[in-house]
Every structure is written in structure tokens, then in C-alpha cells.
C-alpha atoms as a PDB file:
ATOM      1  CA  MET A   1     -15.698   5.667  24.994  1.00  0.00           C
ATOM      2  CA  ALA A   2     -12.558   4.339  23.423  1.00  0.00           C
ATOM      3  CA  VAL A   3     -12.705   2.067  20.428  1.00  0.00           C
ATOM      4  CA  ALA A   4     -11.532  -1.528  21.250  1.00  0.00           C
ATOM      5  CA  PRO A   5      -8.474  -2.646  19.400  1.00  0.00           C
ATOM      6  CA  LEU A   6     -10.307  -5.380  17.474  1.00  0.00           C
ATOM      7  CA  THR A   7     -12.953  -3.025  16.492  1.00  0.00           C
ATOM      8  CA  LYS A   8     -10.151  -0.596  15.095  1.00  0.00           C
ATOM      9  CA  ALA A   9      -8.805  -3.708  13.206  1.00  0.00           C
ATOM     10  CA  VAL A  10     -12.121  -4.503  11.559  1.00  0.00           C
ATOM     11  CA  LEU A  11     -12.479  -0.785  10.744  1.00  0.00           C
ATOM     12  CA  VAL A  12      -9.045  -0.682   8.996  1.00  0.00           C
ATOM     13  CA  SER A  13      -9.780  -3.966   7.085  1.00  0.00           C
ATOM     14  CA  GLU A  14     -13.087  -2.180   5.921  1.00  0.00           C
ATOM     15  CA  GLU A  15     -11.019   0.631   4.619  1.00  0.00           C
ATOM     16  CA  PHE A  16      -8.992  -1.623   2.504  1.00  0.00           C
ATOM     17  CA  ARG A  17     -12.123  -3.431   1.281  1.00  0.00           C
ATOM     18  CA  LYS A  18     -13.352  -0.042  -0.070  1.00  0.00           C
ATOM     19  CA  LEU A  19     -10.576  -0.251  -2.573  1.00  0.00           C
ATOM     20  CA  ASP A  20     -10.770  -3.889  -3.354  1.00  0.00           C
ATOM     21  CA  PRO A  21     -13.181  -6.209  -1.634  1.00  0.00           C
ATOM     22  CA  GLU A  22     -10.613  -9.166  -1.970  1.00  0.00           C
ATOM     23  CA  MET A  23      -7.421  -7.226  -1.291  1.00  0.00           C
ATOM     24  CA  PRO A  24      -4.808  -9.686  -0.045  1.00  0.00           C
ATOM     25  CA  ALA A  25      -2.942  -8.790   3.087  1.00  0.00           C
ATOM     26  CA  GLN A  26       0.289  -8.375   1.155  1.00  0.00           C
ATOM     27  CA  MET A  27      -1.197  -5.622  -0.711  1.00  0.00           C
ATOM     28  CA  ALA A  28      -2.402  -3.642   2.212  1.00  0.00           C
ATOM     29  CA  LEU A  29       0.972  -4.181   3.813  1.00  0.00           C
ATOM     30  CA  ALA A  30       2.569  -2.820   0.660  1.00  0.00           C
ATOM     31  CA  LEU A  31       0.305   0.237   0.670  1.00  0.00           C
ATOM     32  CA  LEU A  32       1.045   0.909   4.273  1.00  0.00           C
ATOM     33  CA  SER A  33       4.712   0.362   3.814  1.00  0.00           C
ATOM     34  CA  ILE A  34       4.824   2.888   0.951  1.00  0.00           C
ATOM     35  CA  ALA A  35       3.034   5.398   3.278  1.00  0.00           C
ATOM     36  CA  HIS A  36       5.631   4.859   6.017  1.00  0.00           C
ATOM     37  CA  LYS A  37       8.466   5.136   3.564  1.00  0.00           C
ATOM     38  CA  PRO A  38       7.808   7.180   0.477  1.00  0.00           C
ATOM     39  CA  GLY A  39       9.930   6.012  -2.316  1.00  0.00           C
ATOM     40  CA  LEU A  40      10.056   2.324  -1.186  1.00  0.00           C
ATOM     41  CA  GLY A  41      11.491   0.180  -3.907  1.00  0.00           C
ATOM     42  CA  GLN A  42      10.082  -3.164  -5.165  1.00  0.00           C
ATOM     43  CA  ARG A  43      13.379  -4.723  -4.007  1.00  0.00           C
ATOM     44  CA  GLU A  44      13.107  -3.506  -0.553  1.00  0.00           C
ATOM     45  CA  ALA A  45       9.275  -4.048  -0.353  1.00  0.00           C
ATOM     46  CA  MET A  46       9.747  -7.674  -1.501  1.00  0.00           C
ATOM     47  CA  LYS A  47      12.195  -8.394   1.373  1.00  0.00           C
ATOM     48  CA  LEU A  48       9.933  -6.512   3.892  1.00  0.00           C
ATOM     49  CA  ILE A  49       6.676  -8.237   2.912  1.00  0.00           C
ATOM     50  CA  GLY A  50       8.345 -11.642   2.169  1.00  0.00           C
ATOM     51  CA  VAL A  51       7.119 -12.130  -1.369  1.00  0.00           C
ATOM     52  CA  SER A  52       8.734 -13.117  -4.604  1.00  0.00           C
ATOM     53  CA  LYS A  53       9.737 -10.694  -7.186  1.00  0.00           C
ATOM     54  CA  SER A  54       6.859 -11.562  -9.435  1.00  0.00           C
ATOM     55  CA  ALA A  55       4.432 -11.173  -6.578  1.00  0.00           C
ATOM     56  CA  ILE A  56       5.665  -7.830  -5.637  1.00  0.00           C
ATOM     57  CA  SER A  57       5.463  -6.712  -9.226  1.00  0.00           C
ATOM     58  CA  ARG A  58       1.848  -7.654  -9.335  1.00  0.00           C
ATOM     59  CA  VAL A  59       1.111  -5.968  -5.966  1.00  0.00           C
ATOM     60  CA  PHE A  60       2.726  -2.543  -7.016  1.00  0.00           C
ATOM     61  CA  SER A  61       0.929  -2.898 -10.526  1.00  0.00           C
ATOM     62  CA  ARG A  62      -2.448  -3.409  -8.773  1.00  0.00           C
ATOM     63  CA  LEU A  63      -1.802  -0.517  -6.338  1.00  0.00           C
ATOM     64  CA  SER A  64      -0.594   1.727  -9.103  1.00  0.00           C
ATOM     65  CA  ASP A  65      -2.154   4.511 -11.096  1.00  0.00           C
ATOM     66  CA  LEU A  66      -1.845   2.314 -14.287  1.00  0.00           C
ATOM     67  CA  PRO A  67      -5.208   1.686 -16.239  1.00  0.00           C
ATOM     68  CA  ASP A  68      -5.981  -1.498 -14.285  1.00  0.00           C
ATOM     69  CA  GLY A  69      -4.665  -0.388 -10.955  1.00  0.00           C
ATOM     70  CA  LEU A  70      -6.428   1.068  -7.863  1.00  0.00           C
ATOM     71  CA  GLY A  71      -4.853   4.382  -8.179  1.00  0.00           C
ATOM     72  CA  THR A  72      -3.174   4.519  -4.765  1.00  0.00           C
ATOM     73  CA  ILE A  73       0.595   4.698  -5.710  1.00  0.00           C
ATOM     74  CA  ARG A  74       2.639   6.178  -8.432  1.00  0.00           C
ATOM     75  CA  MET A  75       5.715   4.127  -9.656  1.00  0.00           C
ATOM     76  CA  GLN A  76       8.902   5.547 -11.177  1.00  0.00           C
ATOM     77  CA  GLU A  77      12.223   4.198 -12.040  1.00  0.00           C
ATOM     78  CA  SER A  78      14.665   4.282  -9.290  1.00  0.00           C
ATOM     79  CA  PRO A  79      17.270   7.013  -9.761  1.00  0.00           C
ATOM     80  CA  ILE A  80      19.855   4.558  -8.690  1.00  0.00           C
ATOM     81  CA  ASP A  81      18.872   1.403 -10.655  1.00  0.00           C
ATOM     82  CA  ARG A  82      16.482   1.665 -13.592  1.00  0.00           C
ATOM     83  CA  ARG A  83      15.465  -1.842 -13.164  1.00  0.00           C
ATOM     84  CA  ASN A  84      14.000  -1.165  -9.774  1.00  0.00           C
ATOM     85  CA  LYS A  85      10.583   0.700  -9.166  1.00  0.00           C
ATOM     86  CA  VAL A  86      10.050   2.997  -6.447  1.00  0.00           C
ATOM     87  CA  ALA A  87       6.698   4.119  -5.233  1.00  0.00           C
ATOM     88  CA  THR A  88       4.908   7.056  -3.523  1.00  0.00           C
ATOM     89  CA  LEU A  89       1.304   7.749  -2.512  1.00  0.00           C
ATOM     90  CA  THR A  90      -0.992   9.289  -4.975  1.00  0.00           C
ATOM     91  CA  PRO A  91      -3.553  11.652  -3.454  1.00  0.00           C
ATOM     92  CA  ALA A  92      -6.163   8.777  -3.462  1.00  0.00           C
ATOM     93  CA  GLY A  93      -3.564   6.619  -1.588  1.00  0.00           C
ATOM     94  CA  GLN A  94      -2.946   9.423   1.002  1.00  0.00           C
ATOM     95  CA  ARG A  95      -6.702   9.625   1.516  1.00  0.00           C
ATOM     96  CA  ILE A  96      -6.857   6.047   2.460  1.00  0.00           C
ATOM     97  CA  VAL A  97      -3.773   6.116   4.668  1.00  0.00           C
ATOM     98  CA  SER A  98      -5.179   9.352   6.463  1.00  0.00           C
ATOM     99  CA  SER A  99      -8.626   7.422   7.058  1.00  0.00           C
ATOM    100  CA  ILE A 100      -6.774   4.624   8.585  1.00  0.00           C
ATOM    101  CA  GLU A 101      -4.580   6.827  10.715  1.00  0.00           C
ATOM    102  CA  ARG A 102      -7.851   8.436  12.014  1.00  0.00           C
ATOM    103  CA  ILE A 103      -9.120   4.825  12.868  1.00  0.00           C
ATOM    104  CA  VAL A 104      -6.049   3.872  14.802  1.00  0.00           C
ATOM    105  CA  GLY A 105      -5.456   7.298  16.315  1.00  0.00           C
ATOM    106  CA  GLY A 106      -2.287   8.064  14.444  1.00  0.00           C
END
């Protein structure tokens, strides 16, 4: 029996809640955007998600492998502009994305 779309949505939100029970939608969207486009920069993510520069900085920091982060992304200076950070998934981030892909059938 096929899983209903709303059930899939609930299962996806539960995957994000495993990382952070109060994860905001913009953080989940940032993680999925980085998975979709490895090397996504903060500037591009800011425009894509529709948040401020300070908000995207907080989102990237929280998702990062820094001491207080969730360990799902790794940030590096952009090779083009040192002021811009670019992100790729860590193995932990890839596991979450793979789990979500299994849920939605991707």
C-alpha cells in the first residue's frame, strides 16, 4: 500500500525533529538546498530561502560541524569570495537526506 503524501510529510518532519525538536522550516530548507546543490553559498541560500544575512549565518552555524552545531554541514570559505561561506553535507547530513529520500521515494 502506498504511503499518503501527508503521511510522507509527517515522516519527513519527524526526521528533522530527530536532529532538533524545534528545527525551524528555514533550517530544514537550508539543509535540503545544500543537499540539492553541494557548495551552496550563504549569499545564494539567503536569496533562495528568503532570510536575512544574519539569519542565514545563524542557520549555517547551527547546521554546521562547529562545536554547537548539529554536524550536518561543513562550511568553507568560497574560493571566489572569502567573505562568503559555502556548504557541503557531512556524512551525518547525508544520512538524514538519504532517509528523507527513502521516505519520499527519491
